[in-house]
Amino acid sequence: SESAFCDCPSLQNIYYYGSEEDFNKVTIYNDEGWNGDLYAVINGEDGRRVYYRPWTYGTYTYVDENGNTATIDGTKVPCRMLTDGITELTGGWYIADGTINYGGTRLQVTRDSNIILKNGCELTTWGGIGVGNEIKLNIYSESLDKDKMGKMTVTGAPENCPGIGSGMNTDSTVLIAGGNVTANGGYDAAGI
């Protein structure tokens, strides 16, 4: 619609589940200044930004909670490559590969999500990982070889918040089936 984002000054970010190349193929109309706030985000004005959440269609192997090798097929189940631009896990499978550093950003898990730590990857955040109420986060490794498995280092959670998990008076589930995971909570809180 040519005026779907007319007078939307609160529009700060766009999350596009695809690549930047695919996003650039989307036709966006701008008749006589309509959708100005949408264009401000697309053009990066005032700190606004488009976040690309590329899907991946590969096949990924991991070790499940019973120690068995399992496979996830990205052509049948939603899989995304985890990057430092993805600060909210909204469900499905996330593949951590290479070096991912969130700095002081607190990674938020808002729907049941799974992370596979590929061999040799290093995921770091000084802001912790917040898991929403009644939400599940499962962390798997590609292998159980202690010299190869991926690392996750989580520190700097806010006061009374665990490094990985939910805050007080909430009920979340965190399963760590593999990976070299270090988690430190905020003041007066557990690591997990």
N, C-alpha and C. Protein backbone atom coordinates (compact mmCIF):
# COMPACT_ATOMS: atom_id res chain seq x y z
N SER A 1 0.84 -1.18 0.00
CA SER A 1 0.00 0.00 0.00
C SER A 1 0.89 1.24 0.00
N GLU A 2 0.48 2.23 -0.76
CA GLU A 2 1.32 3.41 -0.88
C GLU A 2 1.35 4.26 0.38
N SER A 3 0.43 4.03 1.33
CA SER A 3 0.45 4.83 2.56
C SER A 3 0.41 3.96 3.82
N ALA A 4 0.83 2.72 3.71
CA ALA A 4 0.77 1.80 4.87
C ALA A 4 1.61 2.30 6.03
N PHE A 5 2.69 3.03 5.76
CA PHE A 5 3.57 3.52 6.82
C PHE A 5 3.56 5.04 6.91
N CYS A 6 2.45 5.64 6.51
CA CYS A 6 2.29 7.08 6.58
C CYS A 6 2.17 7.50 8.06
N ASP A 7 2.90 8.54 8.45
CA ASP A 7 2.84 9.06 9.82
C ASP A 7 3.15 7.99 10.87
N CYS A 8 4.27 7.31 10.71
CA CYS A 8 4.72 6.28 11.66
C CYS A 8 6.10 6.65 12.21
N PRO A 9 6.21 7.74 12.97
CA PRO A 9 7.52 8.16 13.45
C PRO A 9 8.15 7.17 14.44
N SER A 10 7.35 6.27 15.02
CA SER A 10 7.90 5.28 15.95
C SER A 10 8.56 4.10 15.24
N LEU A 11 8.41 4.01 13.93
CA LEU A 11 9.03 2.93 13.18
C LEU A 11 10.55 3.15 13.19
N GLN A 12 11.25 2.29 13.90
CA GLN A 12 12.70 2.44 14.05
C GLN A 12 13.50 1.40 13.29
N ASN A 13 13.00 0.16 13.24
CA ASN A 13 13.75 -0.93 12.62
C ASN A 13 12.82 -1.81 11.81
N ILE A 14 13.38 -2.46 10.80
CA ILE A 14 12.68 -3.44 10.00
C ILE A 14 13.47 -4.74 10.10
N TYR A 15 12.79 -5.85 10.36
CA TYR A 15 13.42 -7.16 10.41
C TYR A 15 12.94 -7.94 9.20
N TYR A 16 13.87 -8.20 8.29
CA TYR A 16 13.54 -8.88 7.04
C TYR A 16 14.13 -10.27 7.05
N TYR A 17 13.28 -11.28 6.90
CA TYR A 17 13.74 -12.66 6.92
C TYR A 17 14.20 -13.07 5.53
N GLY A 18 15.36 -12.60 5.18
CA GLY A 18 15.96 -12.88 3.89
C GLY A 18 17.23 -12.06 3.77
N SER A 19 17.83 -12.09 2.62
CA SER A 19 19.09 -11.38 2.41
C SER A 19 18.84 -9.94 1.97
N GLU A 20 19.90 -9.13 2.04
CA GLU A 20 19.80 -7.75 1.57
C GLU A 20 19.51 -7.73 0.08
N GLU A 21 20.09 -8.66 -0.65
CA GLU A 21 19.85 -8.76 -2.09
C GLU A 21 18.37 -9.00 -2.38
N ASP A 22 17.73 -9.90 -1.63
CA ASP A 22 16.30 -10.16 -1.82
C ASP A 22 15.47 -8.94 -1.44
N PHE A 23 15.86 -8.27 -0.34
CA PHE A 23 15.12 -7.09 0.11
C PHE A 23 15.12 -6.00 -0.96
N ASN A 24 16.26 -5.85 -1.63
CA ASN A 24 16.37 -4.82 -2.67
C ASN A 24 15.50 -5.11 -3.89
N LYS A 25 14.98 -6.31 -4.01
CA LYS A 25 14.08 -6.67 -5.11
C LYS A 25 12.62 -6.33 -4.79
N VAL A 26 12.33 -6.01 -3.52
CA VAL A 26 10.96 -5.70 -3.11
C VAL A 26 10.59 -4.32 -3.64
N THR A 27 9.45 -4.21 -4.28
CA THR A 27 8.98 -2.93 -4.80
C THR A 27 8.30 -2.15 -3.69
N ILE A 28 8.78 -0.95 -3.44
CA ILE A 28 8.20 -0.08 -2.41
C ILE A 28 7.85 1.25 -3.08
N TYR A 29 6.59 1.62 -2.99
CA TYR A 29 6.13 2.84 -3.65
C TYR A 29 6.24 4.02 -2.71
N ASN A 30 6.50 5.17 -3.27
CA ASN A 30 6.56 6.39 -2.48
C ASN A 30 5.94 7.52 -3.30
N ASP A 31 4.64 7.62 -3.26
CA ASP A 31 3.92 8.67 -3.98
C ASP A 31 3.84 9.92 -3.12
N GLU A 32 4.43 10.99 -3.58
CA GLU A 32 4.31 12.30 -2.96
C GLU A 32 4.63 12.29 -1.47
N GLY A 33 5.70 11.57 -1.07
CA GLY A 33 6.13 11.61 0.32
C GLY A 33 5.47 10.61 1.24
N TRP A 34 4.52 9.82 0.72
CA TRP A 34 3.90 8.80 1.57
C TRP A 34 4.98 7.81 2.00
N ASN A 35 4.78 7.15 3.10
CA ASN A 35 5.71 6.15 3.62
C ASN A 35 7.08 6.75 3.94
N GLY A 36 7.12 8.01 4.30
CA GLY A 36 8.39 8.67 4.60
C GLY A 36 9.16 8.00 5.73
N ASP A 37 8.45 7.52 6.75
CA ASP A 37 9.13 6.87 7.87
C ASP A 37 9.71 5.53 7.45
N LEU A 38 9.04 4.83 6.54
CA LEU A 38 9.57 3.59 6.00
C LEU A 38 10.88 3.86 5.26
N TYR A 39 10.89 4.90 4.45
CA TYR A 39 12.10 5.25 3.71
C TYR A 39 13.22 5.71 4.64
N ALA A 40 12.87 6.33 5.76
CA ALA A 40 13.89 6.75 6.73
C ALA A 40 14.61 5.53 7.31
N VAL A 41 13.87 4.45 7.56
CA VAL A 41 14.48 3.23 8.07
C VAL A 41 15.36 2.61 6.99
N ILE A 42 14.83 2.50 5.79
CA ILE A 42 15.58 1.88 4.69
C ILE A 42 16.87 2.64 4.39
N ASN A 43 16.84 3.96 4.53
CA ASN A 43 18.01 4.77 4.24
C ASN A 43 18.92 4.99 5.45
N GLY A 44 18.56 4.39 6.60
CA GLY A 44 19.41 4.48 7.79
C GLY A 44 19.43 5.84 8.44
N GLU A 45 18.37 6.62 8.29
CA GLU A 45 18.33 7.95 8.89
C GLU A 45 18.08 7.86 10.39
N ASP A 46 18.69 8.74 11.16
CA ASP A 46 18.49 8.85 12.62
C ASP A 46 18.72 7.52 13.34
N GLY A 47 19.69 6.74 12.88
CA GLY A 47 20.00 5.48 13.56
C GLY A 47 19.04 4.35 13.27
N ARG A 48 18.07 4.58 12.42
CA ARG A 48 17.12 3.53 12.04
C ARG A 48 17.84 2.52 11.15
N ARG A 49 17.31 1.30 11.11
CA ARG A 49 18.08 0.27 10.42
C ARG A 49 17.21 -0.88 9.94
N VAL A 50 17.64 -1.50 8.84
CA VAL A 50 17.03 -2.75 8.38
C VAL A 50 17.95 -3.89 8.83
N TYR A 51 17.37 -4.88 9.52
CA TYR A 51 18.12 -6.06 9.95
C TYR A 51 17.73 -7.21 9.03
N TYR A 52 18.73 -7.85 8.47
CA TYR A 52 18.48 -8.99 7.59
C TYR A 52 18.67 -10.26 8.37
N ARG A 53 17.69 -11.13 8.31
CA ARG A 53 17.76 -12.41 9.01
C ARG A 53 17.73 -13.52 7.97
N PRO A 54 18.89 -13.80 7.41
CA PRO A 54 18.91 -14.77 6.31
C PRO A 54 18.57 -16.18 6.75
N TRP A 55 17.73 -16.80 5.98
CA TRP A 55 17.42 -18.20 6.17
C TRP A 55 18.55 -19.01 5.60
N THR A 56 18.77 -20.17 6.13
CA THR A 56 19.77 -21.07 5.57
C THR A 56 19.08 -22.39 5.27
N TYR A 57 19.42 -22.99 4.18
CA TYR A 57 18.74 -24.21 3.74
C TYR A 57 19.64 -25.43 3.78
N GLY A 58 20.71 -25.34 4.59
CA GLY A 58 21.63 -26.45 4.69
C GLY A 58 21.12 -27.55 5.62
N THR A 59 21.92 -28.60 5.74
CA THR A 59 21.65 -29.68 6.67
C THR A 59 22.71 -29.60 7.77
N TYR A 60 22.27 -29.63 9.03
CA TYR A 60 23.17 -29.43 10.15
C TYR A 60 23.08 -30.60 11.11
N THR A 61 24.25 -31.06 11.56
CA THR A 61 24.33 -32.17 12.49
C THR A 61 24.62 -31.61 13.88
N TYR A 62 24.01 -32.23 14.89
CA TYR A 62 24.25 -31.84 16.27
C TYR A 62 24.08 -33.06 17.17
N VAL A 63 24.53 -32.92 18.41
CA VAL A 63 24.38 -34.00 19.39
C VAL A 63 23.20 -33.62 20.28
N ASP A 64 22.18 -34.49 20.35
CA ASP A 64 20.97 -34.18 21.13
C ASP A 64 21.20 -34.43 22.62
N GLU A 65 20.17 -34.21 23.42
CA GLU A 65 20.27 -34.32 24.87
C GLU A 65 20.55 -35.75 25.36
N ASN A 66 20.37 -36.74 24.49
CA ASN A 66 20.65 -38.13 24.85
C ASN A 66 22.02 -38.59 24.36
N GLY A 67 22.79 -37.68 23.77
CA GLY A 67 24.11 -38.02 23.26
C GLY A 67 24.10 -38.63 21.88
N ASN A 68 22.94 -38.61 21.23
CA ASN A 68 22.81 -39.17 19.89
C ASN A 68 23.02 -38.09 18.83
N THR A 69 23.60 -38.49 17.71
CA THR A 69 23.76 -37.56 16.59
C THR A 69 22.42 -37.39 15.90
N ALA A 70 22.05 -36.14 15.69
CA ALA A 70 20.78 -35.81 15.03
C ALA A 70 21.07 -34.83 13.90
N THR A 71 20.11 -34.68 13.01
CA THR A 71 20.26 -33.80 11.86
C THR A 71 19.03 -32.93 11.73
N ILE A 72 19.26 -31.67 11.37
CA ILE A 72 18.17 -30.74 11.10
C ILE A 72 18.28 -30.33 9.63
N ASP A 73 17.18 -30.37 8.91
CA ASP A 73 17.15 -30.06 7.49
C ASP A 73 16.53 -28.68 7.30
N GLY A 74 17.37 -27.71 6.90
CA GLY A 74 16.91 -26.34 6.72
C GLY A 74 15.91 -26.15 5.61
N THR A 75 15.71 -27.15 4.75
CA THR A 75 14.67 -27.03 3.71
C THR A 75 13.30 -27.37 4.27
N LYS A 76 13.26 -27.99 5.46
CA LYS A 76 11.98 -28.41 6.06
C LYS A 76 11.66 -27.68 7.34
N VAL A 77 12.68 -27.17 8.02
CA VAL A 77 12.51 -26.50 9.31
C VAL A 77 13.22 -25.15 9.23
N PRO A 78 12.61 -24.09 9.78
CA PRO A 78 13.25 -22.77 9.72
C PRO A 78 14.61 -22.76 10.42
N CYS A 79 15.66 -22.43 9.68
CA CYS A 79 17.02 -22.31 10.22
C CYS A 79 17.58 -20.96 9.79
N ARG A 80 18.27 -20.30 10.71
CA ARG A 80 18.91 -19.03 10.40
C ARG A 80 20.35 -19.08 10.88
N MET A 81 21.23 -18.44 10.16
CA MET A 81 22.59 -18.27 10.64
C MET A 81 22.55 -17.18 11.70
N LEU A 82 23.09 -17.47 12.88
CA LEU A 82 23.09 -16.51 13.97
C LEU A 82 24.18 -15.49 13.73
N THR A 83 23.82 -14.21 13.78
CA THR A 83 24.78 -13.13 13.62
C THR A 83 24.56 -12.14 14.75
N ASP A 84 25.51 -11.22 14.94
CA ASP A 84 25.34 -10.23 16.01
C ASP A 84 24.24 -9.23 15.69
N GLY A 85 23.70 -9.25 14.48
CA GLY A 85 22.55 -8.41 14.13
C GLY A 85 21.23 -9.01 14.57
N ILE A 86 21.23 -10.29 14.93
CA ILE A 86 20.02 -10.94 15.43
C ILE A 86 20.08 -10.89 16.94
N THR A 87 19.30 -10.02 17.55
CA THR A 87 19.33 -9.85 19.00
C THR A 87 18.09 -10.44 19.68
N GLU A 88 17.20 -11.02 18.89
CA GLU A 88 16.00 -11.66 19.43
C GLU A 88 15.81 -13.00 18.72
N LEU A 89 15.73 -14.07 19.51
CA LEU A 89 15.46 -15.39 18.95
C LEU A 89 13.96 -15.60 19.00
N THR A 90 13.35 -15.68 17.83
CA THR A 90 11.89 -15.71 17.72
C THR A 90 11.36 -17.08 17.32
N GLY A 91 12.13 -18.12 17.61
CA GLY A 91 11.68 -19.49 17.32
C GLY A 91 12.46 -20.12 16.19
N GLY A 92 12.52 -21.45 16.24
CA GLY A 92 13.21 -22.19 15.20
C GLY A 92 14.63 -22.52 15.61
N TRP A 93 15.48 -22.72 14.62
CA TRP A 93 16.86 -23.14 14.80
C TRP A 93 17.81 -22.05 14.36
N TYR A 94 18.84 -21.82 15.16
CA TYR A 94 19.87 -20.82 14.88
C TYR A 94 21.21 -21.53 14.85
N ILE A 95 21.98 -21.28 13.80
CA ILE A 95 23.27 -21.93 13.62
C ILE A 95 24.36 -20.90 13.93
N ALA A 96 25.15 -21.18 14.98
CA ALA A 96 26.25 -20.30 15.38
C ALA A 96 27.54 -20.82 14.76
N ASP A 97 28.14 -20.01 13.91
CA ASP A 97 29.36 -20.41 13.21
C ASP A 97 30.32 -19.22 13.20
N GLY A 98 31.60 -19.48 13.36
CA GLY A 98 32.57 -18.39 13.35
C GLY A 98 32.56 -17.65 14.68
N THR A 99 32.84 -16.34 14.63
CA THR A 99 32.88 -15.50 15.83
C THR A 99 31.67 -14.58 15.84
N ILE A 100 30.91 -14.63 16.93
CA ILE A 100 29.73 -13.78 17.09
C ILE A 100 29.89 -13.05 18.42
N ASN A 101 29.94 -11.72 18.38
CA ASN A 101 30.15 -10.95 19.60
C ASN A 101 29.04 -9.91 19.73
N TYR A 102 28.22 -10.08 20.75
CA TYR A 102 27.11 -9.16 20.99
C TYR A 102 27.51 -7.96 21.84
N GLY A 103 28.75 -7.93 22.33
CA GLY A 103 29.14 -6.84 23.21
C GLY A 103 28.24 -6.84 24.44
N GLY A 104 27.73 -5.68 24.82
CA GLY A 104 26.87 -5.57 25.99
C GLY A 104 25.40 -5.79 25.72
N THR A 105 25.04 -6.19 24.51
CA THR A 105 23.63 -6.41 24.17
C THR A 105 23.13 -7.68 24.83
N ARG A 106 21.95 -7.62 25.43
CA ARG A 106 21.31 -8.80 26.03
C ARG A 106 20.49 -9.49 24.95
N LEU A 107 20.87 -10.70 24.61
CA LEU A 107 20.16 -11.50 23.62
C LEU A 107 18.84 -11.94 24.24
N GLN A 108 17.72 -11.73 23.55
CA GLN A 108 16.38 -12.07 24.07
C GLN A 108 15.82 -13.27 23.33
N VAL A 109 15.27 -14.22 24.08
CA VAL A 109 14.61 -15.39 23.49
C VAL A 109 13.12 -15.24 23.78
N THR A 110 12.33 -15.00 22.72
CA THR A 110 10.91 -14.70 22.91
C THR A 110 9.98 -15.83 22.46
N ARG A 111 10.53 -16.84 21.79
CA ARG A 111 9.78 -18.04 21.42
C ARG A 111 10.74 -19.22 21.53
N ASP A 112 10.19 -20.43 21.69
CA ASP A 112 11.03 -21.62 21.83
C ASP A 112 12.06 -21.65 20.71
N SER A 113 13.34 -21.75 21.08
CA SER A 113 14.43 -21.65 20.11
C SER A 113 15.53 -22.65 20.42
N ASN A 114 16.31 -22.97 19.38
CA ASN A 114 17.43 -23.89 19.48
C ASN A 114 18.66 -23.24 18.86
N ILE A 115 19.81 -23.44 19.52
CA ILE A 115 21.07 -22.96 18.98
C ILE A 115 21.98 -24.16 18.79
N ILE A 116 22.58 -24.27 17.60
CA ILE A 116 23.62 -25.26 17.37
C ILE A 116 24.95 -24.52 17.31
N LEU A 117 25.86 -24.87 18.23
CA LEU A 117 27.20 -24.30 18.24
C LEU A 117 28.08 -25.17 17.34
N LYS A 118 28.41 -24.65 16.17
CA LYS A 118 29.27 -25.40 15.25
C LYS A 118 30.68 -25.49 15.83
N ASN A 119 31.40 -26.52 15.42
CA ASN A 119 32.77 -26.71 15.89
C ASN A 119 33.59 -25.45 15.65
N GLY A 120 34.31 -25.02 16.69
CA GLY A 120 35.20 -23.87 16.58
C GLY A 120 34.54 -22.52 16.69
N CYS A 121 33.22 -22.45 16.80
CA CYS A 121 32.57 -21.13 16.89
C CYS A 121 32.79 -20.53 18.28
N GLU A 122 32.68 -19.20 18.37
CA GLU A 122 32.79 -18.50 19.64
C GLU A 122 31.69 -17.46 19.69
N LEU A 123 30.72 -17.67 20.58
CA LEU A 123 29.62 -16.73 20.77
C LEU A 123 29.82 -16.08 22.13
N THR A 124 29.85 -14.74 22.15
CA THR A 124 30.12 -13.99 23.37
C THR A 124 29.09 -12.89 23.54
N THR A 125 28.59 -12.73 24.77
CA THR A 125 27.76 -11.57 25.10
C THR A 125 28.03 -11.15 26.53
N TRP A 126 28.20 -9.85 26.75
CA TRP A 126 28.39 -9.32 28.10
C TRP A 126 27.06 -8.84 28.67
N GLY A 127 25.97 -9.08 27.96
CA GLY A 127 24.67 -8.64 28.45
C GLY A 127 23.77 -9.78 28.87
N GLY A 128 24.25 -11.01 28.74
CA GLY A 128 23.45 -12.16 29.13
C GLY A 128 22.47 -12.57 28.04
N ILE A 129 21.75 -13.66 28.33
CA ILE A 129 20.70 -14.16 27.43
C ILE A 129 19.42 -14.27 28.24
N GLY A 130 18.45 -13.45 27.92
CA GLY A 130 17.16 -13.46 28.62
C GLY A 130 16.19 -14.40 27.94
N VAL A 131 15.67 -15.36 28.69
CA VAL A 131 14.70 -16.32 28.15
C VAL A 131 13.34 -15.98 28.74
N GLY A 132 12.36 -15.69 27.88
CA GLY A 132 11.05 -15.25 28.31
C GLY A 132 10.28 -16.28 29.13
N ASN A 133 9.25 -15.82 29.78
CA ASN A 133 8.41 -16.68 30.62
C ASN A 133 7.80 -17.82 29.80
N GLU A 134 7.95 -19.04 30.32
CA GLU A 134 7.42 -20.25 29.69
C GLU A 134 8.01 -20.50 28.30
N ILE A 135 9.23 -20.03 28.08
CA ILE A 135 9.94 -20.21 26.82
C ILE A 135 11.07 -21.22 27.04
N LYS A 136 11.38 -22.00 26.01
CA LYS A 136 12.46 -22.99 26.07
C LYS A 136 13.61 -22.56 25.16
N LEU A 137 14.83 -22.68 25.68
CA LEU A 137 16.04 -22.47 24.89
C LEU A 137 16.88 -23.73 25.00
N ASN A 138 17.17 -24.35 23.87
CA ASN A 138 18.02 -25.54 23.81
C ASN A 138 19.32 -25.17 23.13
N ILE A 139 20.44 -25.57 23.75
CA ILE A 139 21.77 -25.29 23.20
C ILE A 139 22.44 -26.63 22.93
N TYR A 140 22.82 -26.82 21.66
CA TYR A 140 23.45 -28.06 21.23
C TYR A 140 24.82 -27.75 20.63
N SER A 141 25.66 -28.78 20.56
CA SER A 141 26.94 -28.62 19.87
C SER A 141 26.97 -29.56 18.67
N GLU A 142 27.81 -29.19 17.72
CA GLU A 142 27.94 -30.02 16.52
C GLU A 142 28.57 -31.36 16.86
N SER A 143 29.49 -31.36 17.82
CA SER A 143 30.11 -32.60 18.27
C SER A 143 30.41 -32.49 19.76
N LEU A 144 30.79 -33.59 20.37
CA LEU A 144 31.16 -33.58 21.79
C LEU A 144 32.68 -33.64 21.99
N ASP A 145 33.43 -33.46 20.91
CA ASP A 145 34.88 -33.44 21.00
C ASP A 145 35.28 -32.13 21.71
N LYS A 146 35.79 -32.25 22.94
CA LYS A 146 36.07 -31.06 23.73
C LYS A 146 37.08 -30.11 23.10
N ASP A 147 37.91 -30.62 22.20
CA ASP A 147 38.90 -29.77 21.54
C ASP A 147 38.33 -29.05 20.31
N LYS A 148 37.15 -29.45 19.87
CA LYS A 148 36.55 -28.86 18.67
C LYS A 148 35.25 -28.09 18.96
N MET A 149 34.49 -28.53 19.96
CA MET A 149 33.15 -27.97 20.14
C MET A 149 33.16 -26.46 20.35
N GLY A 150 32.06 -25.84 19.91
CA GLY A 150 31.91 -24.39 20.00
C GLY A 150 31.85 -23.90 21.43
N LYS A 151 32.17 -22.59 21.59
CA LYS A 151 32.18 -21.96 22.91
C LYS A 151 31.09 -20.90 22.98
N MET A 152 30.46 -20.80 24.16
CA MET A 152 29.50 -19.74 24.43
C MET A 152 29.90 -19.13 25.77
N THR A 153 30.19 -17.83 25.78
CA THR A 153 30.56 -17.13 27.00
C THR A 153 29.54 -16.03 27.26
N VAL A 154 28.84 -16.15 28.39
CA VAL A 154 27.75 -15.24 28.72
C VAL A 154 28.03 -14.61 30.08
N THR A 155 28.22 -13.30 30.11
CA THR A 155 28.49 -12.58 31.35
C THR A 155 27.69 -11.28 31.34
N GLY A 156 27.78 -10.54 32.45
CA GLY A 156 27.24 -9.19 32.50
C GLY A 156 25.73 -9.06 32.50
N ALA A 157 25.03 -10.07 32.99
CA ALA A 157 23.57 -9.96 33.07
C ALA A 157 23.18 -8.87 34.07
N PRO A 158 22.00 -8.28 33.91
CA PRO A 158 21.55 -7.27 34.87
C PRO A 158 21.39 -7.86 36.28
N GLU A 159 21.34 -7.00 37.25
CA GLU A 159 21.17 -7.42 38.65
C GLU A 159 19.94 -8.33 38.78
N ASN A 160 20.08 -9.39 39.57
CA ASN A 160 19.02 -10.37 39.84
C ASN A 160 18.62 -11.19 38.63
N CYS A 161 19.39 -11.15 37.56
CA CYS A 161 19.09 -11.94 36.36
C CYS A 161 20.20 -12.95 36.12
N PRO A 162 19.83 -14.19 35.83
CA PRO A 162 20.87 -15.17 35.51
C PRO A 162 21.56 -14.82 34.20
N GLY A 163 22.76 -15.37 34.00
CA GLY A 163 23.46 -15.15 32.74
C GLY A 163 22.63 -15.66 31.58
N ILE A 164 22.07 -16.88 31.73
CA ILE A 164 21.17 -17.46 30.74
C ILE A 164 19.91 -17.87 31.48
N GLY A 165 18.78 -17.30 31.13
CA GLY A 165 17.51 -17.69 31.76
C GLY A 165 16.59 -16.52 31.98
N SER A 166 15.59 -16.76 32.80
CA SER A 166 14.57 -15.75 33.04
C SER A 166 14.82 -15.03 34.35
N GLY A 167 14.19 -13.91 34.51
CA GLY A 167 14.30 -13.15 35.74
C GLY A 167 13.43 -13.74 36.84
N MET A 168 13.32 -13.03 37.91
CA MET A 168 12.53 -13.50 39.05
C MET A 168 11.05 -13.62 38.68
N ASN A 169 10.39 -14.57 39.30
CA ASN A 169 8.95 -14.80 39.12
C ASN A 169 8.57 -15.18 37.69
N THR A 170 9.50 -15.78 36.96
CA THR A 170 9.18 -16.29 35.64
C THR A 170 9.65 -17.73 35.56
N ASP A 171 9.14 -18.45 34.59
CA ASP A 171 9.44 -19.87 34.47
C ASP A 171 9.88 -20.16 33.04
N SER A 172 11.18 -20.37 32.85
CA SER A 172 11.69 -20.71 31.54
C SER A 172 12.50 -21.99 31.65
N THR A 173 12.81 -22.59 30.51
CA THR A 173 13.59 -23.83 30.48
C THR A 173 14.81 -23.61 29.62
N VAL A 174 15.99 -23.97 30.16
CA VAL A 174 17.24 -23.90 29.41
C VAL A 174 17.86 -25.28 29.43
N LEU A 175 18.07 -25.86 28.26
CA LEU A 175 18.73 -27.15 28.12
C LEU A 175 20.07 -26.93 27.43
N ILE A 176 21.15 -27.38 28.06
CA ILE A 176 22.46 -27.31 27.44
C ILE A 176 22.92 -28.74 27.22
N ALA A 177 22.88 -29.17 25.98
CA ALA A 177 23.23 -30.55 25.64
C ALA A 177 24.67 -30.67 25.18
N GLY A 178 25.34 -29.56 24.93
CA GLY A 178 26.72 -29.60 24.48
C GLY A 178 27.27 -28.22 24.30
N GLY A 179 28.56 -28.16 24.03
CA GLY A 179 29.25 -26.89 23.88
C GLY A 179 30.02 -26.56 25.14
N ASN A 180 31.01 -25.72 24.99
CA ASN A 180 31.80 -25.25 26.12
C ASN A 180 31.13 -23.95 26.56
N VAL A 181 30.22 -24.04 27.55
CA VAL A 181 29.38 -22.91 27.94
C VAL A 181 29.81 -22.36 29.30
N THR A 182 30.07 -21.05 29.34
CA THR A 182 30.36 -20.34 30.58
C THR A 182 29.28 -19.29 30.76
N ALA A 183 28.61 -19.29 31.92
CA ALA A 183 27.55 -18.31 32.17
C ALA A 183 27.68 -17.75 33.57
N ASN A 184 27.76 -16.43 33.66
CA ASN A 184 27.81 -15.73 34.94
C ASN A 184 26.61 -14.80 35.02
N GLY A 185 25.87 -14.89 36.10
CA GLY A 185 24.70 -14.03 36.30
C GLY A 185 25.07 -12.67 36.84
N GLY A 186 24.07 -11.81 36.88
CA GLY A 186 24.24 -10.49 37.47
C GLY A 186 24.32 -10.59 38.98
N TYR A 187 24.45 -9.46 39.65
CA TYR A 187 24.54 -9.45 41.10
C TYR A 187 23.38 -10.21 41.71
N ASP A 188 23.68 -11.11 42.64
CA ASP A 188 22.67 -11.87 43.38
C ASP A 188 21.86 -12.81 42.48
N ALA A 189 22.50 -13.38 41.44
CA ALA A 189 21.80 -14.28 40.53
C ALA A 189 22.73 -15.41 40.09
N ALA A 190 22.13 -16.52 39.71
CA ALA A 190 22.88 -17.68 39.24
C ALA A 190 23.38 -17.49 37.80
N GLY A 191 24.28 -18.36 37.39
CA GLY A 191 24.75 -18.33 36.00
C GLY A 191 23.66 -18.76 35.04
N ILE A 192 22.93 -19.82 35.43
CA ILE A 192 21.85 -20.33 34.59
C ILE A 192 20.62 -20.54 35.45
